[in-house]
Amino acid sequence: MEDKVIGMIFVNRTKAIMVNKASPIKSVTTLKGKKVALLRRLSNLVDFNRVNEKRVIIMSLKVNGLRADDVRFVDIPVNIGSIATKATLAQTPTSDIKPKTGWKLPQEPKVETLQRGEVDAIWASGGQEVVLEQVGIVGVIYNLGQRTDLQYKACTEYPFVCATSTDFAGEYPEFVVR
């Protein structure tokens, strides 16, 4: 039996640079000289998430005519267990933030650092920024996820390969669409 790649799917997750709602920063170009937070996961030998976040922020800067050295990246050290997940975002009452929707948001190191004024911008993806913007905590100044060109999709989205066996493809051709 032989496996056959039949396609690739990109999972489209929102990717956004955010600032405090009351910030005078309204676009990526006004980030020049400002501090941008990056989580540094202390439990990871190699922090692939941090590397990816930084790469996407740099790409967002580049698209807007800036370079990586135009901003100052600030590491926010965290233990992996302290990072809020989508599952806890609407459930865990561990923060004093009281959103308009009645939810209580968990402590989120980047958001708290932003709220304390230690950084000027943060990066979020996968729906977190939608909740934070809806409750009035942050404003999104750039959403790289809205770009449609393949160069940015390939660098910012998670590709999944679709594969099947040649036997299955032969037996069920209606499942394999070209």
N, C-alpha and C. Protein backbone atom coordinates (compact mmCIF):
# COMPACT_ATOMS: atom_id res chain seq x y z
N MET A 1 0.85 -1.18 0.00
CA MET A 1 0.00 0.00 0.00
C MET A 1 0.90 1.24 0.00
N GLU A 2 0.52 2.22 -0.76
CA GLU A 2 1.30 3.44 -0.91
C GLU A 2 0.46 4.64 -0.46
N ASP A 3 1.09 5.56 0.27
CA ASP A 3 0.39 6.77 0.67
C ASP A 3 0.55 7.83 -0.40
N LYS A 4 -0.43 8.70 -0.47
CA LYS A 4 -0.45 9.71 -1.50
C LYS A 4 -0.91 11.04 -0.88
N VAL A 5 -0.12 12.10 -1.09
CA VAL A 5 -0.52 13.42 -0.64
C VAL A 5 -1.56 13.94 -1.62
N ILE A 6 -2.70 14.35 -1.09
CA ILE A 6 -3.77 14.82 -1.97
C ILE A 6 -4.07 16.31 -1.80
N GLY A 7 -3.40 16.96 -0.86
CA GLY A 7 -3.64 18.39 -0.70
C GLY A 7 -3.02 18.95 0.55
N MET A 8 -3.20 20.25 0.73
CA MET A 8 -2.72 20.92 1.92
C MET A 8 -3.77 21.94 2.34
N ILE A 9 -4.00 21.99 3.62
CA ILE A 9 -4.96 22.92 4.19
C ILE A 9 -4.21 23.87 5.11
N PHE A 10 -4.51 25.16 5.02
CA PHE A 10 -3.95 26.12 5.96
C PHE A 10 -5.03 26.47 6.98
N VAL A 11 -4.72 26.35 8.26
CA VAL A 11 -5.64 26.73 9.31
C VAL A 11 -5.51 28.22 9.52
N ASN A 12 -6.56 28.95 9.25
CA ASN A 12 -6.53 30.41 9.34
C ASN A 12 -6.83 30.86 10.75
N ARG A 13 -5.80 31.31 11.43
CA ARG A 13 -5.95 31.87 12.77
C ARG A 13 -5.65 33.35 12.69
N THR A 14 -6.44 34.12 13.38
CA THR A 14 -6.19 35.56 13.42
C THR A 14 -4.85 35.79 14.09
N LYS A 15 -4.09 36.72 13.55
CA LYS A 15 -2.80 37.08 14.10
C LYS A 15 -2.76 38.59 14.19
N ALA A 16 -2.67 39.14 15.40
CA ALA A 16 -2.85 40.57 15.54
C ALA A 16 -1.83 41.20 16.47
N ILE A 17 -1.43 42.44 16.14
CA ILE A 17 -0.65 43.27 17.04
C ILE A 17 -1.65 44.17 17.74
N MET A 18 -1.59 44.20 19.07
CA MET A 18 -2.56 44.94 19.86
C MET A 18 -1.88 45.92 20.80
N VAL A 19 -2.59 46.98 21.12
CA VAL A 19 -2.12 47.99 22.06
C VAL A 19 -3.24 48.26 23.06
N ASN A 20 -2.92 48.96 24.16
CA ASN A 20 -3.97 49.39 25.08
C ASN A 20 -5.00 50.19 24.32
N LYS A 21 -6.26 50.03 24.67
CA LYS A 21 -7.34 50.73 23.97
C LYS A 21 -7.11 52.24 23.95
N ALA A 22 -6.57 52.81 25.02
CA ALA A 22 -6.38 54.27 25.11
C ALA A 22 -5.03 54.73 24.55
N SER A 23 -4.26 53.82 23.99
CA SER A 23 -2.93 54.15 23.48
C SER A 23 -3.01 55.11 22.29
N PRO A 24 -2.04 56.01 22.18
CA PRO A 24 -1.98 56.86 20.99
C PRO A 24 -1.47 56.11 19.76
N ILE A 25 -0.96 54.90 19.96
CA ILE A 25 -0.46 54.08 18.85
C ILE A 25 -1.67 53.53 18.11
N LYS A 26 -1.79 53.90 16.84
CA LYS A 26 -2.97 53.48 16.05
C LYS A 26 -2.60 52.68 14.81
N SER A 27 -1.29 52.52 14.55
CA SER A 27 -0.86 51.75 13.39
C SER A 27 0.51 51.16 13.67
N VAL A 28 0.89 50.18 12.87
CA VAL A 28 2.20 49.55 13.03
C VAL A 28 3.32 50.57 12.82
N THR A 29 3.13 51.50 11.91
CA THR A 29 4.20 52.47 11.63
C THR A 29 4.52 53.34 12.85
N THR A 30 3.56 53.50 13.75
CA THR A 30 3.83 54.29 14.96
C THR A 30 4.44 53.46 16.09
N LEU A 31 4.79 52.20 15.79
CA LEU A 31 5.49 51.37 16.78
C LEU A 31 7.00 51.65 16.80
N LYS A 32 7.49 52.43 15.87
CA LYS A 32 8.93 52.70 15.80
C LYS A 32 9.40 53.27 17.14
N GLY A 33 10.43 52.62 17.71
CA GLY A 33 10.98 53.04 19.00
C GLY A 33 10.22 52.51 20.20
N LYS A 34 9.18 51.71 19.98
CA LYS A 34 8.33 51.21 21.07
C LYS A 34 8.73 49.79 21.47
N LYS A 35 8.17 49.34 22.61
CA LYS A 35 8.46 48.01 23.16
C LYS A 35 7.33 47.04 22.81
N VAL A 36 7.72 45.87 22.30
CA VAL A 36 6.76 44.83 21.92
C VAL A 36 7.06 43.58 22.75
N ALA A 37 6.04 43.05 23.42
CA ALA A 37 6.20 41.89 24.31
C ALA A 37 6.28 40.58 23.53
N LEU A 38 7.14 39.70 24.02
CA LEU A 38 7.22 38.32 23.55
C LEU A 38 7.27 37.42 24.79
N LEU A 39 6.43 36.40 24.84
CA LEU A 39 6.52 35.45 25.94
C LEU A 39 7.77 34.60 25.78
N ARG A 40 8.48 34.38 26.87
CA ARG A 40 9.61 33.44 26.89
C ARG A 40 9.22 32.33 27.85
N ARG A 41 8.90 31.17 27.29
CA ARG A 41 8.46 30.03 28.09
C ARG A 41 9.68 29.39 28.73
N LEU A 42 9.76 29.47 30.05
CA LEU A 42 10.94 29.03 30.78
C LEU A 42 11.13 27.52 30.76
N SER A 43 10.04 26.78 30.58
CA SER A 43 10.14 25.33 30.61
C SER A 43 10.57 24.73 29.28
N ASN A 44 10.69 25.54 28.24
CA ASN A 44 11.07 25.03 26.93
C ASN A 44 12.56 25.19 26.69
N LEU A 45 13.22 24.13 26.27
CA LEU A 45 14.62 24.21 25.90
C LEU A 45 14.77 25.12 24.68
N VAL A 46 13.91 24.89 23.69
CA VAL A 46 13.83 25.77 22.52
C VAL A 46 12.38 26.24 22.46
N ASP A 47 12.17 27.53 22.53
CA ASP A 47 10.82 28.09 22.56
C ASP A 47 10.36 28.40 21.13
N PHE A 48 9.81 27.37 20.48
CA PHE A 48 9.37 27.52 19.09
C PHE A 48 8.23 28.53 18.97
N ASN A 49 7.36 28.60 19.98
CA ASN A 49 6.27 29.57 19.93
C ASN A 49 6.82 30.99 19.90
N ARG A 50 7.81 31.28 20.73
CA ARG A 50 8.42 32.61 20.77
C ARG A 50 9.06 32.94 19.42
N VAL A 51 9.78 31.97 18.87
CA VAL A 51 10.44 32.18 17.58
C VAL A 51 9.39 32.51 16.51
N ASN A 52 8.29 31.75 16.50
CA ASN A 52 7.24 32.00 15.52
C ASN A 52 6.57 33.35 15.74
N GLU A 53 6.28 33.69 17.00
CA GLU A 53 5.66 34.99 17.29
C GLU A 53 6.55 36.13 16.82
N LYS A 54 7.84 36.03 17.11
CA LYS A 54 8.76 37.10 16.73
C LYS A 54 8.85 37.21 15.20
N ARG A 55 8.90 36.07 14.54
CA ARG A 55 8.97 36.05 13.07
C ARG A 55 7.74 36.73 12.46
N VAL A 56 6.57 36.46 13.01
CA VAL A 56 5.34 37.04 12.47
C VAL A 56 5.28 38.54 12.79
N ILE A 57 5.74 38.94 13.96
CA ILE A 57 5.77 40.38 14.28
C ILE A 57 6.72 41.09 13.32
N ILE A 58 7.89 40.50 13.09
CA ILE A 58 8.85 41.10 12.15
C ILE A 58 8.24 41.20 10.76
N MET A 59 7.49 40.17 10.35
CA MET A 59 6.83 40.21 9.05
C MET A 59 5.81 41.34 9.01
N SER A 60 5.07 41.53 10.09
CA SER A 60 4.09 42.61 10.16
C SER A 60 4.78 43.97 10.08
N LEU A 61 5.93 44.09 10.74
CA LEU A 61 6.70 45.34 10.65
C LEU A 61 7.14 45.58 9.22
N LYS A 62 7.68 44.54 8.60
CA LYS A 62 8.20 44.65 7.23
C LYS A 62 7.11 45.09 6.25
N VAL A 63 5.93 44.49 6.37
CA VAL A 63 4.81 44.84 5.49
C VAL A 63 4.47 46.32 5.63
N ASN A 64 4.74 46.88 6.80
CA ASN A 64 4.42 48.27 7.07
C ASN A 64 5.64 49.19 7.01
N GLY A 65 6.71 48.73 6.37
CA GLY A 65 7.87 49.58 6.12
C GLY A 65 8.85 49.73 7.26
N LEU A 66 8.74 48.88 8.29
CA LEU A 66 9.68 48.92 9.41
C LEU A 66 10.56 47.68 9.43
N ARG A 67 11.63 47.74 10.22
CA ARG A 67 12.54 46.61 10.39
C ARG A 67 12.46 46.13 11.84
N ALA A 68 13.00 44.96 12.10
CA ALA A 68 13.00 44.39 13.45
C ALA A 68 13.70 45.32 14.44
N ASP A 69 14.76 45.97 14.01
CA ASP A 69 15.49 46.83 14.94
C ASP A 69 14.81 48.20 15.14
N ASP A 70 13.66 48.41 14.52
CA ASP A 70 12.89 49.63 14.76
C ASP A 70 12.06 49.55 16.04
N VAL A 71 11.90 48.35 16.59
CA VAL A 71 11.19 48.17 17.86
C VAL A 71 12.12 47.47 18.85
N ARG A 72 11.74 47.50 20.10
CA ARG A 72 12.51 46.79 21.13
C ARG A 72 11.67 45.62 21.63
N PHE A 73 12.15 44.41 21.41
CA PHE A 73 11.44 43.23 21.89
C PHE A 73 11.75 43.04 23.37
N VAL A 74 10.70 42.82 24.16
CA VAL A 74 10.83 42.64 25.60
C VAL A 74 10.32 41.25 25.94
N ASP A 75 11.19 40.43 26.52
CA ASP A 75 10.79 39.08 26.92
C ASP A 75 10.00 39.12 28.22
N ILE A 76 8.89 38.40 28.23
CA ILE A 76 8.06 38.23 29.41
C ILE A 76 8.23 36.77 29.84
N PRO A 77 9.04 36.51 30.88
CA PRO A 77 9.28 35.11 31.29
C PRO A 77 8.04 34.51 31.95
N VAL A 78 7.65 33.33 31.50
CA VAL A 78 6.49 32.64 32.07
C VAL A 78 6.78 31.15 32.17
N ASN A 79 6.12 30.54 33.15
CA ASN A 79 6.10 29.08 33.20
C ASN A 79 4.94 28.66 32.31
N ILE A 80 5.10 27.58 31.59
CA ILE A 80 4.11 27.18 30.61
C ILE A 80 2.71 27.08 31.20
N GLY A 81 2.57 26.71 32.44
CA GLY A 81 1.26 26.57 33.06
C GLY A 81 0.57 27.89 33.34
N SER A 82 1.29 29.01 33.24
CA SER A 82 0.66 30.29 33.58
C SER A 82 0.06 30.99 32.37
N ILE A 83 0.19 30.40 31.19
CA ILE A 83 -0.33 31.03 29.98
C ILE A 83 -1.79 30.64 29.80
N ALA A 84 -2.63 31.63 29.60
CA ALA A 84 -4.06 31.38 29.41
C ALA A 84 -4.29 30.67 28.09
N THR A 85 -5.18 29.71 28.10
CA THR A 85 -5.52 29.02 26.86
C THR A 85 -6.92 29.44 26.44
N LYS A 86 -7.28 29.12 25.22
CA LYS A 86 -8.63 29.45 24.75
C LYS A 86 -9.68 28.81 25.65
N ALA A 87 -9.40 27.61 26.15
CA ALA A 87 -10.37 26.93 26.99
C ALA A 87 -10.61 27.67 28.29
N THR A 88 -9.59 28.32 28.83
CA THR A 88 -9.76 29.02 30.10
C THR A 88 -10.12 30.47 29.91
N LEU A 89 -10.03 30.99 28.71
CA LEU A 89 -10.21 32.42 28.48
C LEU A 89 -11.56 32.92 29.00
N ALA A 90 -12.60 32.13 28.82
CA ALA A 90 -13.92 32.59 29.23
C ALA A 90 -14.38 31.94 30.53
N GLN A 91 -13.54 31.11 31.17
CA GLN A 91 -14.02 30.34 32.29
C GLN A 91 -13.32 30.65 33.62
N THR A 92 -12.06 31.01 33.60
CA THR A 92 -11.29 31.08 34.83
C THR A 92 -11.30 32.48 35.43
N PRO A 93 -11.93 32.65 36.58
CA PRO A 93 -11.99 33.97 37.19
C PRO A 93 -10.75 34.28 38.03
N THR A 94 -9.62 34.53 37.40
CA THR A 94 -8.40 34.76 38.16
C THR A 94 -7.85 36.17 37.99
N SER A 95 -8.55 37.03 37.29
CA SER A 95 -8.04 38.38 37.08
C SER A 95 -9.06 39.40 37.55
N ASP A 96 -8.58 40.58 37.86
CA ASP A 96 -9.50 41.63 38.29
C ASP A 96 -10.08 42.39 37.11
N ILE A 97 -9.78 41.97 35.88
CA ILE A 97 -10.35 42.59 34.70
C ILE A 97 -11.83 42.20 34.64
N LYS A 98 -12.70 43.16 34.49
CA LYS A 98 -14.13 42.87 34.42
C LYS A 98 -14.66 43.27 33.04
N PRO A 99 -14.65 42.36 32.10
CA PRO A 99 -15.09 42.66 30.74
C PRO A 99 -16.58 43.01 30.67
N LYS A 100 -16.95 43.71 29.62
CA LYS A 100 -18.34 44.11 29.39
C LYS A 100 -19.27 42.90 29.30
N THR A 101 -18.75 41.77 28.82
CA THR A 101 -19.59 40.61 28.57
C THR A 101 -19.91 39.84 29.84
N GLY A 102 -19.32 40.22 30.97
CA GLY A 102 -19.57 39.49 32.20
C GLY A 102 -18.56 38.39 32.45
N TRP A 103 -17.70 38.10 31.50
CA TRP A 103 -16.65 37.10 31.71
C TRP A 103 -15.59 37.68 32.62
N LYS A 104 -14.82 36.80 33.20
CA LYS A 104 -13.61 37.24 33.88
C LYS A 104 -12.47 36.56 33.15
N LEU A 105 -11.50 37.34 32.75
CA LEU A 105 -10.38 36.79 32.01
C LEU A 105 -9.33 36.27 32.96
N PRO A 106 -8.63 35.22 32.58
CA PRO A 106 -7.54 34.71 33.41
C PRO A 106 -6.36 35.67 33.33
N GLN A 107 -5.43 35.51 34.24
CA GLN A 107 -4.22 36.30 34.15
C GLN A 107 -3.50 35.91 32.88
N GLU A 108 -3.12 36.87 32.12
CA GLU A 108 -2.41 36.65 30.87
C GLU A 108 -1.19 37.55 30.94
N PRO A 109 -0.01 36.98 31.03
CA PRO A 109 1.19 37.78 31.25
C PRO A 109 1.40 38.93 30.27
N LYS A 110 1.17 38.69 28.98
CA LYS A 110 1.37 39.77 28.01
C LYS A 110 0.38 40.91 28.22
N VAL A 111 -0.88 40.55 28.47
CA VAL A 111 -1.92 41.56 28.64
C VAL A 111 -1.64 42.38 29.90
N GLU A 112 -1.28 41.70 30.98
CA GLU A 112 -0.98 42.41 32.22
C GLU A 112 0.22 43.33 32.06
N THR A 113 1.24 42.88 31.34
CA THR A 113 2.41 43.72 31.08
C THR A 113 2.02 44.95 30.27
N LEU A 114 1.14 44.75 29.30
CA LEU A 114 0.63 45.87 28.49
C LEU A 114 -0.17 46.84 29.37
N GLN A 115 -1.03 46.31 30.21
CA GLN A 115 -1.87 47.16 31.07
C GLN A 115 -1.03 47.96 32.07
N ARG A 116 0.07 47.39 32.53
CA ARG A 116 0.94 48.10 33.48
C ARG A 116 1.83 49.12 32.78
N GLY A 117 1.81 49.14 31.44
CA GLY A 117 2.61 50.11 30.69
C GLY A 117 4.06 49.72 30.52
N GLU A 118 4.39 48.45 30.78
CA GLU A 118 5.77 47.98 30.64
C GLU A 118 6.14 47.72 29.18
N VAL A 119 5.14 47.52 28.35
CA VAL A 119 5.34 47.37 26.90
C VAL A 119 4.26 48.19 26.20
N ASP A 120 4.50 48.47 24.94
CA ASP A 120 3.56 49.28 24.17
C ASP A 120 2.63 48.44 23.29
N ALA A 121 3.04 47.22 22.98
CA ALA A 121 2.24 46.37 22.10
C ALA A 121 2.46 44.90 22.45
N ILE A 122 1.46 44.10 22.13
CA ILE A 122 1.57 42.65 22.32
C ILE A 122 1.08 41.97 21.05
N TRP A 123 1.35 40.68 20.96
CA TRP A 123 0.94 39.85 19.84
C TRP A 123 -0.01 38.79 20.36
N ALA A 124 -1.07 38.53 19.64
CA ALA A 124 -1.98 37.45 20.03
C ALA A 124 -2.52 36.79 18.79
N SER A 125 -2.95 35.55 18.96
CA SER A 125 -3.52 34.82 17.82
C SER A 125 -4.54 33.80 18.31
N GLY A 126 -5.27 33.29 17.36
CA GLY A 126 -6.18 32.19 17.64
C GLY A 126 -7.46 32.55 18.38
N GLY A 127 -7.91 33.78 18.30
CA GLY A 127 -9.17 34.15 18.92
C GLY A 127 -9.03 34.98 20.18
N GLN A 128 -7.90 34.88 20.84
CA GLN A 128 -7.69 35.63 22.07
C GLN A 128 -7.88 37.13 21.85
N GLU A 129 -7.34 37.64 20.76
CA GLU A 129 -7.42 39.07 20.49
C GLU A 129 -8.85 39.53 20.26
N VAL A 130 -9.69 38.65 19.71
CA VAL A 130 -11.09 39.01 19.47
C VAL A 130 -11.78 39.27 20.80
N VAL A 131 -11.58 38.37 21.76
CA VAL A 131 -12.18 38.53 23.07
C VAL A 131 -11.66 39.79 23.75
N LEU A 132 -10.35 39.99 23.73
CA LEU A 132 -9.75 41.15 24.39
C LEU A 132 -10.22 42.46 23.77
N GLU A 133 -10.38 42.47 22.45
CA GLU A 133 -10.87 43.68 21.79
C GLU A 133 -12.36 43.90 22.10
N GLN A 134 -13.15 42.84 22.08
CA GLN A 134 -14.58 42.97 22.34
C GLN A 134 -14.87 43.50 23.74
N VAL A 135 -14.04 43.13 24.69
CA VAL A 135 -14.29 43.57 26.07
C VAL A 135 -13.66 44.93 26.35
N GLY A 136 -13.03 45.52 25.34
CA GLY A 136 -12.54 46.88 25.47
C GLY A 136 -11.19 47.04 26.14
N ILE A 137 -10.42 45.98 26.21
CA ILE A 137 -9.11 46.03 26.87
C ILE A 137 -8.03 46.50 25.91
N VAL A 138 -8.10 46.05 24.67
CA VAL A 138 -7.07 46.37 23.68
C VAL A 138 -7.70 46.83 22.38
N GLY A 139 -6.87 47.41 21.55
CA GLY A 139 -7.25 47.73 20.18
C GLY A 139 -6.30 47.02 19.24
N VAL A 140 -6.82 46.42 18.20
CA VAL A 140 -5.98 45.75 17.20
C VAL A 140 -5.50 46.81 16.22
N ILE A 141 -4.17 46.92 16.07
CA ILE A 141 -3.63 47.89 15.11
C ILE A 141 -3.21 47.23 13.81
N TYR A 142 -3.05 45.91 13.82
CA TYR A 142 -2.71 45.22 12.58
C TYR A 142 -3.08 43.75 12.71
N ASN A 143 -3.73 43.21 11.69
CA ASN A 143 -4.11 41.81 11.67
C ASN A 143 -3.51 41.17 10.43
N LEU A 144 -2.39 40.49 10.62
CA LEU A 144 -1.71 39.84 9.51
C LEU A 144 -2.55 38.69 8.95
N GLY A 145 -3.44 38.15 9.76
CA GLY A 145 -4.29 37.06 9.31
C GLY A 145 -5.25 37.45 8.20
N GLN A 146 -5.46 38.74 7.97
CA GLN A 146 -6.36 39.17 6.91
C GLN A 146 -5.68 39.23 5.55
N ARG A 147 -4.37 39.06 5.52
CA ARG A 147 -3.67 39.06 4.23
C ARG A 147 -3.99 37.77 3.50
N THR A 148 -4.17 37.87 2.21
CA THR A 148 -4.55 36.69 1.43
C THR A 148 -3.41 36.12 0.60
N ASP A 149 -2.30 36.85 0.48
CA ASP A 149 -1.22 36.36 -0.37
C ASP A 149 -0.53 35.16 0.28
N LEU A 150 -0.22 34.17 -0.55
CA LEU A 150 0.31 32.89 -0.09
C LEU A 150 1.61 33.03 0.69
N GLN A 151 2.46 34.01 0.36
CA GLN A 151 3.72 34.19 1.08
C GLN A 151 3.46 34.37 2.57
N TYR A 152 2.46 35.15 2.93
CA TYR A 152 2.17 35.39 4.33
C TYR A 152 1.38 34.26 4.96
N LYS A 153 0.50 33.65 4.19
CA LYS A 153 -0.22 32.50 4.71
C LYS A 153 0.74 31.37 5.06
N ALA A 154 1.70 31.11 4.20
CA ALA A 154 2.66 30.03 4.43
C ALA A 154 3.52 30.28 5.66
N CYS A 155 3.78 31.55 5.96
CA CYS A 155 4.62 31.89 7.11
C CYS A 155 3.84 32.04 8.40
N THR A 156 2.55 32.27 8.34
CA THR A 156 1.82 32.58 9.56
C THR A 156 0.74 31.58 9.90
N GLU A 157 0.38 30.71 9.00
CA GLU A 157 -0.67 29.75 9.28
C GLU A 157 -0.07 28.36 9.44
N TYR A 158 -0.85 27.49 9.98
CA TYR A 158 -0.39 26.14 10.24
C TYR A 158 -0.84 25.22 9.11
N PRO A 159 0.11 24.79 8.26
CA PRO A 159 -0.29 23.92 7.16
C PRO A 159 -0.47 22.47 7.64
N PHE A 160 -1.50 21.85 7.16
CA PHE A 160 -1.73 20.43 7.43
C PHE A 160 -1.80 19.71 6.10
N VAL A 161 -1.04 18.65 5.99
CA VAL A 161 -1.03 17.85 4.77
C VAL A 161 -2.18 16.86 4.83
N CYS A 162 -2.91 16.76 3.73
CA CYS A 162 -3.98 15.78 3.60
C CYS A 162 -3.42 14.61 2.80
N ALA A 163 -3.49 13.44 3.37
CA ALA A 163 -2.94 12.27 2.69
C ALA A 163 -3.91 11.11 2.81
N THR A 164 -3.77 10.18 1.89
CA THR A 164 -4.59 8.98 1.92
C THR A 164 -3.79 7.85 1.27
N SER A 165 -4.24 6.65 1.46
CA SER A 165 -3.60 5.53 0.77
C SER A 165 -4.15 5.47 -0.65
N THR A 166 -3.35 4.96 -1.55
CA THR A 166 -3.81 4.83 -2.94
C THR A 166 -4.97 3.83 -3.02
N ASP A 167 -4.98 2.84 -2.12
CA ASP A 167 -6.09 1.88 -2.09
C ASP A 167 -7.40 2.60 -1.75
N PHE A 168 -7.37 3.47 -0.72
CA PHE A 168 -8.57 4.19 -0.31
C PHE A 168 -9.02 5.14 -1.42
N ALA A 169 -8.06 5.86 -2.01
CA ALA A 169 -8.38 6.80 -3.09
C ALA A 169 -9.02 6.07 -4.27
N GLY A 170 -8.54 4.86 -4.55
CA GLY A 170 -9.11 4.08 -5.65
C GLY A 170 -10.50 3.56 -5.33
N GLU A 171 -10.70 3.15 -4.07
CA GLU A 171 -11.98 2.58 -3.67
C GLU A 171 -13.05 3.66 -3.45
N TYR A 172 -12.64 4.85 -3.00
CA TYR A 172 -13.58 5.92 -2.71
C TYR A 172 -13.16 7.21 -3.43
N PRO A 173 -13.23 7.25 -4.71
CA PRO A 173 -12.75 8.42 -5.47
C PRO A 173 -13.54 9.70 -5.16
N GLU A 174 -14.76 9.55 -4.67
CA GLU A 174 -15.57 10.74 -4.35
C GLU A 174 -15.00 11.54 -3.17
N PHE A 175 -14.12 10.91 -2.37
CA PHE A 175 -13.49 11.60 -1.25
C PHE A 175 -12.24 12.37 -1.67
N VAL A 176 -11.72 12.04 -2.83
CA VAL A 176 -10.51 12.68 -3.33
C VAL A 176 -10.93 13.59 -4.47
N VAL A 177 -10.94 14.87 -4.21
CA VAL A 177 -11.38 15.85 -5.19
C VAL A 177 -10.17 16.61 -5.67
N ARG A 178 -10.05 16.80 -6.98
CA ARG A 178 -8.92 17.56 -7.53
C ARG A 178 -9.34 18.97 -7.81
